[in-house]
């Protein structure tokens, strides 16, 4: 089953344990070492805000934007299709 998951952060969450050890928790959804960050968020740093992307191992496709991207559907239209 495919799922559409919205990640709106391109850097990890930093959590400090009671012993003082720090952990970086993935927030971009691309880490291969979840729940820990493996640095994959660096692929998202040049994303345009209010746009939607799909990633695979080697590439990224821009699916939608709020009027900024050529050839991309408006996000509201894309999300409405998922709600049907």
PDB file of N, CA and C in Angstrom:
ATOM      1  N   UNK A   1       0.843  -1.179   0.000  1.00  0.00           N
ATOM      2  CA  UNK A   1       0.000   0.000   0.000  1.00  0.00           C
ATOM      3  C   UNK A   1       0.888   1.241   0.000  1.00  0.00           C
ATOM      4  N   UNK A   2       0.596   2.162  -0.875  1.00  0.00           N
ATOM      5  CA  UNK A   2       1.326   3.425  -0.937  1.00  0.00           C
ATOM      6  C   UNK A   2       0.708   4.425   0.022  1.00  0.00           C
ATOM      7  N   UNK A   3       1.553   5.298   0.546  1.00  0.00           N
ATOM      8  CA  UNK A   3       1.078   6.348   1.441  1.00  0.00           C
ATOM      9  C   UNK A   3       1.734   7.659   1.056  1.00  0.00           C
ATOM     10  N   UNK A   4       1.017   8.726   1.250  1.00  0.00           N
ATOM     11  CA  UNK A   4       1.564  10.061   1.086  1.00  0.00           C
ATOM     12  C   UNK A   4       1.808  10.604   2.483  1.00  0.00           C
ATOM     13  N   UNK A   5       3.068  10.910   2.780  1.00  0.00           N
ATOM     14  CA  UNK A   5       3.431  11.398   4.110  1.00  0.00           C
ATOM     15  C   UNK A   5       4.043  12.781   3.955  1.00  0.00           C
ATOM     16  N   UNK A   6       3.519  13.726   4.682  1.00  0.00           N
ATOM     17  CA  UNK A   6       4.009  15.094   4.627  1.00  0.00           C
ATOM     18  C   UNK A   6       5.103  15.300   5.674  1.00  0.00           C
ATOM     19  N   UNK A   7       6.262  15.699   5.212  1.00  0.00           N
ATOM     20  CA  UNK A   7       7.362  16.075   6.097  1.00  0.00           C
ATOM     21  C   UNK A   7       7.658  17.535   5.807  1.00  0.00           C
ATOM     22  N   UNK A   8       7.590  18.371   6.809  1.00  0.00           N
ATOM     23  CA  UNK A   8       7.789  19.800   6.565  1.00  0.00           C
ATOM     24  C   UNK A   8       9.043  20.327   7.252  1.00  0.00           C
ATOM     25  N   UNK A   9       9.978  19.446   7.509  1.00  0.00           N
ATOM     26  CA  UNK A   9      11.208  19.847   8.189  1.00  0.00           C
ATOM     27  C   UNK A   9      12.381  19.245   7.435  1.00  0.00           C
ATOM     28  N   UNK A  10      13.443  20.022   7.212  1.00  0.00           N
ATOM     29  CA  UNK A  10      14.602  19.503   6.488  1.00  0.00           C
ATOM     30  C   UNK A  10      15.856  19.459   7.365  1.00  0.00           C
ATOM     31  N   UNK A  11      15.630  19.191   8.627  1.00  0.00           N
ATOM     32  CA  UNK A  11      16.742  18.983   9.562  1.00  0.00           C
ATOM     33  C   UNK A  11      16.222  18.093  10.688  1.00  0.00           C
ATOM     34  N   UNK A  12      17.125  17.391  11.367  1.00  0.00           N
ATOM     35  CA  UNK A  12      16.674  16.463  12.413  1.00  0.00           C
ATOM     36  C   UNK A  12      16.283  17.177  13.698  1.00  0.00           C
ATOM     37  N   UNK A  13      15.536  16.460  14.518  1.00  0.00           N
ATOM     38  CA  UNK A  13      15.264  16.901  15.881  1.00  0.00           C
ATOM     39  C   UNK A  13      16.416  16.408  16.739  1.00  0.00           C
ATOM     40  N   UNK A  14      16.922  17.236  17.630  1.00  0.00           N
ATOM     41  CA  UNK A  14      17.978  16.823  18.540  1.00  0.00           C
ATOM     42  C   UNK A  14      17.368  16.560  19.910  1.00  0.00           C
ATOM     43  N   UNK A  15      17.634  15.376  20.421  1.00  0.00           N
ATOM     44  CA  UNK A  15      17.097  14.971  21.721  1.00  0.00           C
ATOM     45  C   UNK A  15      18.265  14.632  22.618  1.00  0.00           C
ATOM     46  N   UNK A  16      18.206  15.112  23.857  1.00  0.00           N
ATOM     47  CA  UNK A  16      19.263  14.823  24.821  1.00  0.00           C
ATOM     48  C   UNK A  16      18.713  13.893  25.893  1.00  0.00           C
ATOM     49  N   UNK A  17      19.434  12.788  26.121  1.00  0.00           N
ATOM     50  CA  UNK A  17      19.003  11.819  27.132  1.00  0.00           C
ATOM     51  C   UNK A  17      19.335  12.339  28.521  1.00  0.00           C
ATOM     52  N   UNK A  18      18.823  11.655  29.537  1.00  0.00           N
ATOM     53  CA  UNK A  18      19.084  12.067  30.921  1.00  0.00           C
ATOM     54  C   UNK A  18      20.570  11.957  31.262  1.00  0.00           C
ATOM     55  N   UNK A  19      21.306  11.129  30.528  1.00  0.00           N
ATOM     56  CA  UNK A  19      22.744  10.998  30.775  1.00  0.00           C
ATOM     57  C   UNK A  19      23.557  12.043  30.013  1.00  0.00           C
ATOM     58  N   UNK A  20      22.878  12.862  29.194  1.00  0.00           N
ATOM     59  CA  UNK A  20      23.551  13.918  28.453  1.00  0.00           C
ATOM     60  C   UNK A  20      23.917  13.543  27.028  1.00  0.00           C
ATOM     61  N   UNK A  21      23.667  12.279  26.649  1.00  0.00           N
ATOM     62  CA  UNK A  21      23.962  11.850  25.284  1.00  0.00           C
ATOM     63  C   UNK A  21      22.942  12.461  24.322  1.00  0.00           C
ATOM     64  N   UNK A  22      23.416  12.975  23.183  1.00  0.00           N
ATOM     65  CA  UNK A  22      22.536  13.616  22.206  1.00  0.00           C
ATOM     66  C   UNK A  22      22.275  12.678  21.034  1.00  0.00           C
ATOM     67  N   UNK A  23      21.030  12.697  20.576  1.00  0.00           N
ATOM     68  CA  UNK A  23      20.602  11.899  19.438  1.00  0.00           C
ATOM     69  C   UNK A  23      19.941  12.811  18.414  1.00  0.00           C
ATOM     70  N   UNK A  24      20.193  12.540  17.149  1.00  0.00           N
ATOM     71  CA  UNK A  24      19.530  13.265  16.067  1.00  0.00           C
ATOM     72  C   UNK A  24      18.465  12.330  15.489  1.00  0.00           C
ATOM     73  N   UNK A  25      17.206  12.748  15.590  1.00  0.00           N
ATOM     74  CA  UNK A  25      16.079  11.941  15.123  1.00  0.00           C
ATOM     75  C   UNK A  25      15.608  12.475  13.771  1.00  0.00           C
ATOM     76  N   UNK A  26      15.446  11.567  12.819  1.00  0.00           N
ATOM     77  CA  UNK A  26      15.046  11.937  11.461  1.00  0.00           C
ATOM     78  C   UNK A  26      13.702  12.667  11.458  1.00  0.00           C
ATOM     79  N   UNK A  27      13.643  13.760  10.721  1.00  0.00           N
ATOM     80  CA  UNK A  27      12.394  14.498  10.560  1.00  0.00           C
ATOM     81  C   UNK A  27      12.038  14.673   9.086  1.00  0.00           C
ATOM     82  N   UNK A  28      12.962  14.306   8.181  1.00  0.00           N
ATOM     83  CA  UNK A  28      12.697  14.472   6.754  1.00  0.00           C
ATOM     84  C   UNK A  28      12.057  13.241   6.141  1.00  0.00           C
ATOM     85  N   UNK A  29      12.186  12.098   6.802  1.00  0.00           N
ATOM     86  CA  UNK A  29      11.609  10.859   6.303  1.00  0.00           C
ATOM     87  C   UNK A  29      12.489  10.086   5.352  1.00  0.00           C
ATOM     88  N   UNK A  30      13.692  10.556   5.061  1.00  0.00           N
ATOM     89  CA  UNK A  30      14.552   9.902   4.085  1.00  0.00           C
ATOM     90  C   UNK A  30      15.633   9.013   4.694  1.00  0.00           C
ATOM     91  N   UNK A  31      15.834   9.073   5.994  1.00  0.00           N
ATOM     92  CA  UNK A  31      16.903   8.310   6.633  1.00  0.00           C
ATOM     93  C   UNK A  31      16.730   6.812   6.422  1.00  0.00           C
ATOM     94  N   UNK A  32      17.832   6.137   6.173  1.00  0.00           N
ATOM     95  CA  UNK A  32      17.813   4.674   6.071  1.00  0.00           C
ATOM     96  C   UNK A  32      18.111   4.052   7.428  1.00  0.00           C
ATOM     97  N   UNK A  33      18.275   4.888   8.437  1.00  0.00           N
ATOM     98  CA  UNK A  33      18.615   4.438   9.786  1.00  0.00           C
ATOM     99  C   UNK A  33      17.576   4.937  10.785  1.00  0.00           C
ATOM    100  N   UNK A  34      16.294   4.987  10.355  1.00  0.00           N
ATOM    101  CA  UNK A  34      15.230   5.513  11.219  1.00  0.00           C
ATOM    102  C   UNK A  34      15.147   4.721  12.506  1.00  0.00           C
ATOM    103  N   UNK A  35      14.887   5.344  13.601  1.00  0.00           N
ATOM    104  CA  UNK A  35      14.441   6.729  13.729  1.00  0.00           C
ATOM    105  C   UNK A  35      15.591   7.735  13.757  1.00  0.00           C
ATOM    106  N   UNK A  36      16.836   7.270  13.667  1.00  0.00           N
ATOM    107  CA  UNK A  36      17.965   8.188  13.754  1.00  0.00           C
ATOM    108  C   UNK A  36      18.269   8.822  12.403  1.00  0.00           C
ATOM    109  N   UNK A  37      18.812  10.012  12.448  1.00  0.00           N
ATOM    110  CA  UNK A  37      19.195  10.754  11.252  1.00  0.00           C
ATOM    111  C   UNK A  37      20.483  10.160  10.681  1.00  0.00           C
ATOM    112  N   UNK A  38      20.538  10.034   9.356  1.00  0.00           N
ATOM    113  CA  UNK A  38      21.768   9.601   8.694  1.00  0.00           C
ATOM    114  C   UNK A  38      22.303  10.674   7.742  1.00  0.00           C
ATOM    115  N   UNK A  39      21.760  11.882   7.832  1.00  0.00           N
ATOM    116  CA  UNK A  39      22.214  12.987   6.992  1.00  0.00           C
ATOM    117  C   UNK A  39      21.493  13.100   5.664  1.00  0.00           C
ATOM    118  N   UNK A  40      20.522  12.225   5.405  1.00  0.00           N
ATOM    119  CA  UNK A  40      19.796  12.254   4.128  1.00  0.00           C
ATOM    120  C   UNK A  40      19.037  13.555   3.911  1.00  0.00           C
ATOM    121  N   UNK A  41      18.738  14.282   4.985  1.00  0.00           N
ATOM    122  CA  UNK A  41      18.002  15.549   4.853  1.00  0.00           C
ATOM    123  C   UNK A  41      18.759  16.571   4.012  1.00  0.00           C
ATOM    124  N   UNK A  42      20.053  16.369   3.824  1.00  0.00           N
ATOM    125  CA  UNK A  42      20.833  17.304   3.014  1.00  0.00           C
ATOM    126  C   UNK A  42      20.311  17.352   1.588  1.00  0.00           C
ATOM    127  N   UNK A  43      19.634  16.279   1.142  1.00  0.00           N
ATOM    128  CA  UNK A  43      19.045  16.256  -0.201  1.00  0.00           C
ATOM    129  C   UNK A  43      17.867  17.215  -0.311  1.00  0.00           C
ATOM    130  N   UNK A  44      17.297  17.640   0.814  1.00  0.00           N
ATOM    131  CA  UNK A  44      16.092  18.473   0.809  1.00  0.00           C
ATOM    132  C   UNK A  44      16.378  19.954   0.982  1.00  0.00           C
ATOM    133  N   UNK A  45      17.613  20.332   1.188  1.00  0.00           N
ATOM    134  CA  UNK A  45      17.931  21.717   1.551  1.00  0.00           C
ATOM    135  C   UNK A  45      17.571  22.743   0.479  1.00  0.00           C
ATOM    136  N   UNK A  46      17.526  22.341  -0.773  1.00  0.00           N
ATOM    137  CA  UNK A  46      17.208  23.305  -1.835  1.00  0.00           C
ATOM    138  C   UNK A  46      15.744  23.239  -2.282  1.00  0.00           C
ATOM    139  N   UNK A  47      14.898  22.552  -1.522  1.00  0.00           N
ATOM    140  CA  UNK A  47      13.478  22.495  -1.855  1.00  0.00           C
ATOM    141  C   UNK A  47      12.844  23.880  -1.762  1.00  0.00           C
ATOM    142  N   UNK A  48      11.885  24.119  -2.640  1.00  0.00           N
ATOM    143  CA  UNK A  48      11.130  25.363  -2.640  1.00  0.00           C
ATOM    144  C   UNK A  48       9.976  25.216  -1.658  1.00  0.00           C
ATOM    145  N   UNK A  49       9.768  26.212  -0.791  1.00  0.00           N
ATOM    146  CA  UNK A  49       8.655  26.085   0.165  1.00  0.00           C
ATOM    147  C   UNK A  49       7.324  26.028  -0.556  1.00  0.00           C
ATOM    148  N   UNK A  50       6.357  25.426   0.122  1.00  0.00           N
ATOM    149  CA  UNK A  50       5.003  25.223  -0.407  1.00  0.00           C
ATOM    150  C   UNK A  50       4.997  24.377  -1.673  1.00  0.00           C
ATOM    151  N   UNK A  51       5.947  23.429  -1.752  1.00  0.00           N
ATOM    152  CA  UNK A  51       6.018  22.501  -2.874  1.00  0.00           C
ATOM    153  C   UNK A  51       6.056  21.081  -2.336  1.00  0.00           C
ATOM    154  N   UNK A  52       5.696  20.117  -3.183  1.00  0.00           N
ATOM    155  CA  UNK A  52       5.666  18.720  -2.777  1.00  0.00           C
ATOM    156  C   UNK A  52       6.619  17.935  -3.674  1.00  0.00           C
ATOM    157  N   UNK A  53       7.412  17.056  -3.059  1.00  0.00           N
ATOM    158  CA  UNK A  53       8.410  16.279  -3.775  1.00  0.00           C
ATOM    159  C   UNK A  53       8.268  14.800  -3.440  1.00  0.00           C
ATOM    160  N   UNK A  54       8.712  13.958  -4.374  1.00  0.00           N
ATOM    161  CA  UNK A  54       8.821  12.524  -4.147  1.00  0.00           C
ATOM    162  C   UNK A  54      10.279  12.158  -4.381  1.00  0.00           C
ATOM    163  N   UNK A  55      10.827  11.390  -3.448  1.00  0.00           N
ATOM    164  CA  UNK A  55      12.219  10.960  -3.532  1.00  0.00           C
ATOM    165  C   UNK A  55      12.303   9.465  -3.744  1.00  0.00           C
ATOM    166  N   UNK A  56      13.341   9.032  -4.478  1.00  0.00           N
ATOM    167  CA  UNK A  56      13.713   7.632  -4.497  1.00  0.00           C
ATOM    168  C   UNK A  56      15.203   7.571  -4.191  1.00  0.00           C
ATOM    169  N   UNK A  57      15.820   6.452  -4.440  1.00  0.00           N
ATOM    170  CA  UNK A  57      17.234   6.286  -4.074  1.00  0.00           C
ATOM    171  C   UNK A  57      18.142   7.352  -4.682  1.00  0.00           C
ATOM    172  N   UNK A  58      17.886   7.725  -5.947  1.00  0.00           N
ATOM    173  CA  UNK A  58      18.828   8.584  -6.663  1.00  0.00           C
ATOM    174  C   UNK A  58      18.273   9.898  -7.173  1.00  0.00           C
ATOM    175  N   UNK A  59      16.980  10.089  -7.056  1.00  0.00           N
ATOM    176  CA  UNK A  59      16.422  11.291  -7.676  1.00  0.00           C
ATOM    177  C   UNK A  59      15.269  11.869  -6.876  1.00  0.00           C
ATOM    178  N   UNK A  60      14.802  13.006  -7.353  1.00  0.00           N
ATOM    179  CA  UNK A  60      13.673  13.705  -6.736  1.00  0.00           C
ATOM    180  C   UNK A  60      12.795  14.240  -7.859  1.00  0.00           C
ATOM    181  N   UNK A  61      11.491  14.165  -7.643  1.00  0.00           N
ATOM    182  CA  UNK A  61      10.528  14.702  -8.603  1.00  0.00           C
ATOM    183  C   UNK A  61       9.640  15.691  -7.863  1.00  0.00           C
ATOM    184  N   UNK A  62       9.474  16.862  -8.449  1.00  0.00           N
ATOM    185  CA  UNK A  62       8.573  17.862  -7.879  1.00  0.00           C
ATOM    186  C   UNK A  62       7.169  17.565  -8.380  1.00  0.00           C
ATOM    187  N   UNK A  63       6.265  17.251  -7.456  1.00  0.00           N
ATOM    188  CA  UNK A  63       4.897  16.905  -7.817  1.00  0.00           C
ATOM    189  C   UNK A  63       3.979  18.101  -7.902  1.00  0.00           C
ATOM    190  N   UNK A  64       4.136  19.025  -6.968  1.00  0.00           N
ATOM    191  CA  UNK A  64       3.161  20.113  -6.884  1.00  0.00           C
ATOM    192  C   UNK A  64       3.789  21.332  -6.244  1.00  0.00           C
ATOM    193  N   UNK A  65       3.159  22.457  -6.497  1.00  0.00           N
ATOM    194  CA  UNK A  65       3.567  23.701  -5.856  1.00  0.00           C
ATOM    195  C   UNK A  65       2.360  24.614  -5.784  1.00  0.00           C
ATOM    196  N   UNK A  66       2.485  25.670  -5.047  1.00  0.00           N
ATOM    197  CA  UNK A  66       1.406  26.652  -4.965  1.00  0.00           C
ATOM    198  C   UNK A  66       1.661  27.769  -5.965  1.00  0.00           C
ATOM    199  N   UNK A  67       1.662  27.389  -7.243  1.00  0.00           N
ATOM    200  CA  UNK A  67       1.790  28.369  -8.313  1.00  0.00           C
ATOM    201  C   UNK A  67       3.208  28.736  -8.678  1.00  0.00           C
ATOM    202  N   UNK A  68       4.214  28.117  -8.068  1.00  0.00           N
ATOM    203  CA  UNK A  68       5.591  28.502  -8.328  1.00  0.00           C
ATOM    204  C   UNK A  68       6.279  27.613  -9.366  1.00  0.00           C
ATOM    205  N   UNK A  69       5.835  26.376  -9.504  1.00  0.00           N
ATOM    206  CA  UNK A  69       6.552  25.436 -10.363  1.00  0.00           C
ATOM    207  C   UNK A  69       5.885  25.234 -11.706  1.00  0.00           C
ATOM    208  N   UNK A  70       6.673  25.178 -12.750  1.00  0.00           N
ATOM    209  CA  UNK A  70       6.147  24.932 -14.087  1.00  0.00           C
ATOM    210  C   UNK A  70       5.850  23.449 -14.228  1.00  0.00           C
ATOM    211  N   UNK A  71       4.684  23.128 -14.736  1.00  0.00           N
ATOM    212  CA  UNK A  71       4.325  21.752 -14.993  1.00  0.00           C
ATOM    213  C   UNK A  71       3.901  20.970 -13.761  1.00  0.00           C
ATOM    214  N   UNK A  72       3.874  21.590 -12.619  1.00  0.00           N
ATOM    215  CA  UNK A  72       3.471  20.903 -11.393  1.00  0.00           C
ATOM    216  C   UNK A  72       2.034  21.286 -11.067  1.00  0.00           C
ATOM    217  N   UNK A  73       1.295  20.325 -10.558  1.00  0.00           N
ATOM    218  CA  UNK A  73      -0.091  20.584 -10.166  1.00  0.00           C
ATOM    219  C   UNK A  73      -0.126  21.395  -8.884  1.00  0.00           C
ATOM    220  N   UNK A  74      -1.158  22.225  -8.696  1.00  0.00           N
ATOM    221  CA  UNK A  74      -1.301  22.905  -7.415  1.00  0.00           C
ATOM    222  C   UNK A  74      -1.459  21.881  -6.285  1.00  0.00           C
ATOM    223  N   UNK A  75      -0.846  22.123  -5.160  1.00  0.00           N
ATOM    224  CA  UNK A  75      -0.906  21.198  -4.027  1.00  0.00           C
ATOM    225  C   UNK A  75      -2.351  20.924  -3.629  1.00  0.00           C
ATOM    226  N   UNK A  76      -3.179  21.946  -3.598  1.00  0.00           N
ATOM    227  CA  UNK A  76      -4.570  21.758  -3.178  1.00  0.00           C
ATOM    228  C   UNK A  76      -5.295  20.767  -4.082  1.00  0.00           C
ATOM    229  N   UNK A  77      -5.019  20.788  -5.385  1.00  0.00           N
ATOM    230  CA  UNK A  77      -5.637  19.850  -6.323  1.00  0.00           C
ATOM    231  C   UNK A  77      -5.138  18.440  -6.068  1.00  0.00           C
ATOM    232  N   UNK A  78      -3.834  18.301  -5.851  1.00  0.00           N
ATOM    233  CA  UNK A  78      -3.243  16.995  -5.618  1.00  0.00           C
ATOM    234  C   UNK A  78      -3.790  16.371  -4.326  1.00  0.00           C
ATOM    235  N   UNK A  79      -3.855  17.165  -3.277  1.00  0.00           N
ATOM    236  CA  UNK A  79      -4.365  16.654  -2.005  1.00  0.00           C
ATOM    237  C   UNK A  79      -5.851  16.321  -2.080  1.00  0.00           C
ATOM    238  N   UNK A  80      -6.618  17.094  -2.840  1.00  0.00           N
ATOM    239  CA  UNK A  80      -8.051  16.805  -2.996  1.00  0.00           C
ATOM    240  C   UNK A  80      -8.244  15.446  -3.659  1.00  0.00           C
ATOM    241  N   UNK A  81      -7.376  15.078  -4.585  1.00  0.00           N
ATOM    242  CA  UNK A  81      -7.461  13.774  -5.241  1.00  0.00           C
ATOM    243  C   UNK A  81      -7.248  12.646  -4.237  1.00  0.00           C
ATOM    244  N   UNK A  82      -6.377  12.836  -3.250  1.00  0.00           N
ATOM    245  CA  UNK A  82      -6.113  11.816  -2.242  1.00  0.00           C
ATOM    246  C   UNK A  82      -7.270  11.663  -1.264  1.00  0.00           C
ATOM    247  N   UNK A  83      -8.060  12.705  -1.080  1.00  0.00           N
ATOM    248  CA  UNK A  83      -9.165  12.649  -0.130  1.00  0.00           C
ATOM    249  C   UNK A  83     -10.369  11.922  -0.693  1.00  0.00           C
ATOM    250  N   UNK A  84     -10.400  11.656  -1.975  1.00  0.00           N
ATOM    251  CA  UNK A  84     -11.557  10.993  -2.614  1.00  0.00           C
ATOM    252  C   UNK A  84     -11.664   9.552  -2.200  1.00  0.00           C
TER     253      UNK A  84
END
